[in-house]
Amino acid sequence: MRFDPATLVYDGRGLIPAIAQDHRSGEVLMLAWMNAEAVARTLETGRVTYWSRSRRAFWVKGESSGHVQRLVEMRLDCDRDCLLVLVEQAGPACHTNRRSCFYTGIRDGAETELMTPEA
């Protein structure tokens, strides 16, 4: 059966959350949003493409930074309302120049920086 992005469950803005995970290490890198066209473009090109809510435009990860995400596999959750995008990440995934956007932990009730920006 051929996959159709229209069969996914999108929110009221036509978006679905997409969690990017390193396909080798399993590290969660970031969360961003896709619409049906971004899903289709990602599957067609192998370059992970998101929908930027602030710019209201497509955002090909790494297009300006060089920190490209190459699609290895896309997975759907059981409710079809969230995506897991397994990627090969070149460079940091976060716009703060960190490997992951999840660089702050809460330990003993305090925020703790878990990783510093890459050089």
C-alpha atoms as a PDB file:
ATOM      1  CA  MET A   1       0.000   0.000   0.000  1.00  0.00           C
ATOM      2  CA  ARG A   2       1.429   3.380  -1.035  1.00  0.00           C
ATOM      3  CA  PHE A   3       1.749   5.989   1.743  1.00  0.00           C
ATOM      4  CA  ASP A   4      -0.249   9.203   1.387  1.00  0.00           C
ATOM      5  CA  PRO A   5       0.676  12.168   3.653  1.00  0.00           C
ATOM      6  CA  ALA A   6      -2.996  13.206   3.601  1.00  0.00           C
ATOM      7  CA  THR A   7      -3.794  10.161   5.770  1.00  0.00           C
ATOM      8  CA  LEU A   8      -1.941  11.669   8.733  1.00  0.00           C
ATOM      9  CA  VAL A   9      -3.798  13.532  11.492  1.00  0.00           C
ATOM     10  CA  TYR A  10      -2.847  17.214  11.432  1.00  0.00           C
ATOM     11  CA  ASP A  11      -3.778  19.894  13.957  1.00  0.00           C
ATOM     12  CA  GLY A  12      -6.067  22.842  13.216  1.00  0.00           C
ATOM     13  CA  ARG A  13      -3.193  24.651  11.471  1.00  0.00           C
ATOM     14  CA  GLY A  14      -2.506  21.669   9.219  1.00  0.00           C
ATOM     15  CA  LEU A  15       0.647  20.693  11.126  1.00  0.00           C
ATOM     16  CA  ILE A  16       1.997  17.526  12.696  1.00  0.00           C
ATOM     17  CA  PRO A  17       4.889  17.335  15.208  1.00  0.00           C
ATOM     18  CA  ALA A  18       8.027  15.619  13.931  1.00  0.00           C
ATOM     19  CA  ILE A  19      10.670  14.382  16.345  1.00  0.00           C
ATOM     20  CA  ALA A  20      14.139  14.103  14.809  1.00  0.00           C
ATOM     21  CA  GLN A  21      16.268  11.305  16.239  1.00  0.00           C
ATOM     22  CA  ASP A  22      19.812  10.254  15.321  1.00  0.00           C
ATOM     23  CA  HIS A  23      19.414   6.900  13.591  1.00  0.00           C
ATOM     24  CA  ARG A  24      22.672   5.510  15.008  1.00  0.00           C
ATOM     25  CA  SER A  25      22.781   6.706  18.617  1.00  0.00           C
ATOM     26  CA  GLY A  26      19.042   7.075  19.257  1.00  0.00           C
ATOM     27  CA  GLU A  27      19.646  10.587  20.622  1.00  0.00           C
ATOM     28  CA  VAL A  28      16.617  12.877  20.319  1.00  0.00           C
ATOM     29  CA  LEU A  29      17.829  15.922  18.412  1.00  0.00           C
ATOM     30  CA  MET A  30      14.862  18.248  18.027  1.00  0.00           C
ATOM     31  CA  LEU A  31      11.147  18.663  17.531  1.00  0.00           C
ATOM     32  CA  ALA A  32       9.728  20.659  14.652  1.00  0.00           C
ATOM     33  CA  TRP A  33       6.543  20.776  12.590  1.00  0.00           C
ATOM     34  CA  MET A  34       5.579  19.482   9.164  1.00  0.00           C
ATOM     35  CA  ASN A  35       2.570  19.929   6.959  1.00  0.00           C
ATOM     36  CA  ALA A  36       1.530  17.421   4.288  1.00  0.00           C
ATOM     37  CA  GLU A  37       3.730  19.078   1.674  1.00  0.00           C
ATOM     38  CA  ALA A  38       6.790  19.030   3.972  1.00  0.00           C
ATOM     39  CA  VAL A  39       6.206  15.310   4.589  1.00  0.00           C
ATOM     40  CA  ALA A  40       5.960  14.683   0.846  1.00  0.00           C
ATOM     41  CA  ARG A  41       9.083  16.755   0.089  1.00  0.00           C
ATOM     42  CA  THR A  42      11.054  14.941   2.784  1.00  0.00           C
ATOM     43  CA  LEU A  43      10.097  11.557   1.380  1.00  0.00           C
ATOM     44  CA  GLU A  44      10.802  12.627  -2.210  1.00  0.00           C
ATOM     45  CA  THR A  45      14.176  14.294  -1.644  1.00  0.00           C
ATOM     46  CA  GLY A  46      15.610  12.544   1.407  1.00  0.00           C
ATOM     47  CA  ARG A  47      16.389  16.002   2.858  1.00  0.00           C
ATOM     48  CA  VAL A  48      14.294  16.634   5.957  1.00  0.00           C
ATOM     49  CA  THR A  49      11.958  19.542   5.314  1.00  0.00           C
ATOM     50  CA  TYR A  50       9.914  21.228   8.022  1.00  0.00           C
ATOM     51  CA  TRP A  51       7.307  23.980   8.084  1.00  0.00           C
ATOM     52  CA  SER A  52       8.538  27.069   9.927  1.00  0.00           C
ATOM     53  CA  ARG A  53       5.635  28.467  11.922  1.00  0.00           C
ATOM     54  CA  SER A  54       7.375  31.808  12.501  1.00  0.00           C
ATOM     55  CA  ARG A  55       8.418  32.341   8.868  1.00  0.00           C
ATOM     56  CA  ARG A  56       5.401  30.567   7.398  1.00  0.00           C
ATOM     57  CA  ALA A  57       7.657  28.875   4.880  1.00  0.00           C
ATOM     58  CA  PHE A  58       9.300  25.550   4.175  1.00  0.00           C
ATOM     59  CA  TRP A  59      12.582  25.006   5.986  1.00  0.00           C
ATOM     60  CA  VAL A  60      14.996  22.445   4.585  1.00  0.00           C
ATOM     61  CA  LYS A  61      17.140  21.558   7.600  1.00  0.00           C
ATOM     62  CA  GLY A  62      20.706  22.697   6.985  1.00  0.00           C
ATOM     63  CA  GLU A  63      19.932  24.753   3.894  1.00  0.00           C
ATOM     64  CA  SER A  64      21.622  27.839   5.334  1.00  0.00           C
ATOM     65  CA  SER A  65      23.709  26.363   8.201  1.00  0.00           C
ATOM     66  CA  GLY A  66      25.053  23.295   6.429  1.00  0.00           C
ATOM     67  CA  HIS A  67      23.801  21.152   9.350  1.00  0.00           C
ATOM     68  CA  VAL A  68      21.821  18.870   7.063  1.00  0.00           C
ATOM     69  CA  GLN A  69      19.463  16.122   8.138  1.00  0.00           C
ATOM     70  CA  ARG A  70      19.376  13.203   5.720  1.00  0.00           C
ATOM     71  CA  LEU A  71      16.291  11.033   6.080  1.00  0.00           C
ATOM     72  CA  VAL A  72      16.993   7.418   6.992  1.00  0.00           C
ATOM     73  CA  GLU A  73      13.441   6.418   7.910  1.00  0.00           C
ATOM     74  CA  MET A  74      10.131   8.075   8.761  1.00  0.00           C
ATOM     75  CA  ARG A  75       7.811   6.449  11.282  1.00  0.00           C
ATOM     76  CA  LEU A  76       4.230   7.195  12.353  1.00  0.00           C
ATOM     77  CA  ASP A  77       2.844   6.817  15.845  1.00  0.00           C
ATOM     78  CA  CYS A  78      -0.204   4.645  16.517  1.00  0.00           C
ATOM     79  CA  ASP A  79      -2.639   7.578  16.244  1.00  0.00           C
ATOM     80  CA  ARG A  80      -0.982   8.918  13.068  1.00  0.00           C
ATOM     81  CA  ASP A  81      -0.666  12.352  14.732  1.00  0.00           C
ATOM     82  CA  CYS A  82       3.094  12.433  15.360  1.00  0.00           C
ATOM     83  CA  LEU A  83       6.140  11.550  13.273  1.00  0.00           C
ATOM     84  CA  LEU A  84       9.515  10.138  14.230  1.00  0.00           C
ATOM     85  CA  VAL A  85      12.146  11.094  11.681  1.00  0.00           C
ATOM     86  CA  LEU A  86      15.285   8.985  11.932  1.00  0.00           C
ATOM     87  CA  VAL A  87      18.103  11.043  10.472  1.00  0.00           C
ATOM     88  CA  GLU A  88      21.766  11.229   9.740  1.00  0.00           C
ATOM     89  CA  GLN A  89      22.676  14.591  11.240  1.00  0.00           C
ATOM     90  CA  ALA A  90      25.616  16.633   9.911  1.00  0.00           C
ATOM     91  CA  GLY A  91      26.787  18.991  12.652  1.00  0.00           C
ATOM     92  CA  PRO A  92      24.602  20.353  15.436  1.00  0.00           C
ATOM     93  CA  ALA A  93      20.829  20.030  15.149  1.00  0.00           C
ATOM     94  CA  CYS A  94      19.975  23.021  17.350  1.00  0.00           C
ATOM     95  CA  HIS A  95      20.084  26.643  16.197  1.00  0.00           C
ATOM     96  CA  THR A  96      22.116  27.326  19.376  1.00  0.00           C
ATOM     97  CA  ASN A  97      24.909  25.245  17.803  1.00  0.00           C
ATOM     98  CA  ARG A  98      24.359  22.326  20.200  1.00  0.00           C
ATOM     99  CA  ARG A  99      24.035  18.702  19.087  1.00  0.00           C
ATOM    100  CA  SER A 100      20.459  18.553  20.441  1.00  0.00           C
ATOM    101  CA  CYS A 101      17.787  21.111  21.246  1.00  0.00           C
ATOM    102  CA  PHE A 102      17.247  19.196  24.500  1.00  0.00           C
ATOM    103  CA  TYR A 103      20.338  20.556  26.230  1.00  0.00           C
ATOM    104  CA  THR A 104      18.682  21.697  29.457  1.00  0.00           C
ATOM    105  CA  GLY A 105      17.865  19.220  32.207  1.00  0.00           C
ATOM    106  CA  ILE A 106      15.956  19.741  35.418  1.00  0.00           C
ATOM    107  CA  ARG A 107      17.937  18.223  38.260  1.00  0.00           C
ATOM    108  CA  ASP A 108      17.100  18.650  41.927  1.00  0.00           C
ATOM    109  CA  GLY A 109      14.572  21.316  40.951  1.00  0.00           C
ATOM    110  CA  ALA A 110      17.074  23.446  39.036  1.00  0.00           C
ATOM    111  CA  GLU A 111      17.763  23.926  35.351  1.00  0.00           C
ATOM    112  CA  THR A 112      21.112  22.459  34.351  1.00  0.00           C
ATOM    113  CA  GLU A 113      22.916  22.973  31.046  1.00  0.00           C
ATOM    114  CA  LEU A 114      23.792  19.477  29.807  1.00  0.00           C
ATOM    115  CA  MET A 115      25.829  20.436  26.747  1.00  0.00           C
ATOM    116  CA  THR A 116      27.610  23.534  25.517  1.00  0.00           C
ATOM    117  CA  PRO A 117      27.591  24.887  21.970  1.00  0.00           C
ATOM    118  CA  GLU A 118      29.961  23.242  19.529  1.00  0.00           C
ATOM    119  CA  ALA A 119      32.927  25.323  18.385  1.00  0.00           C
END
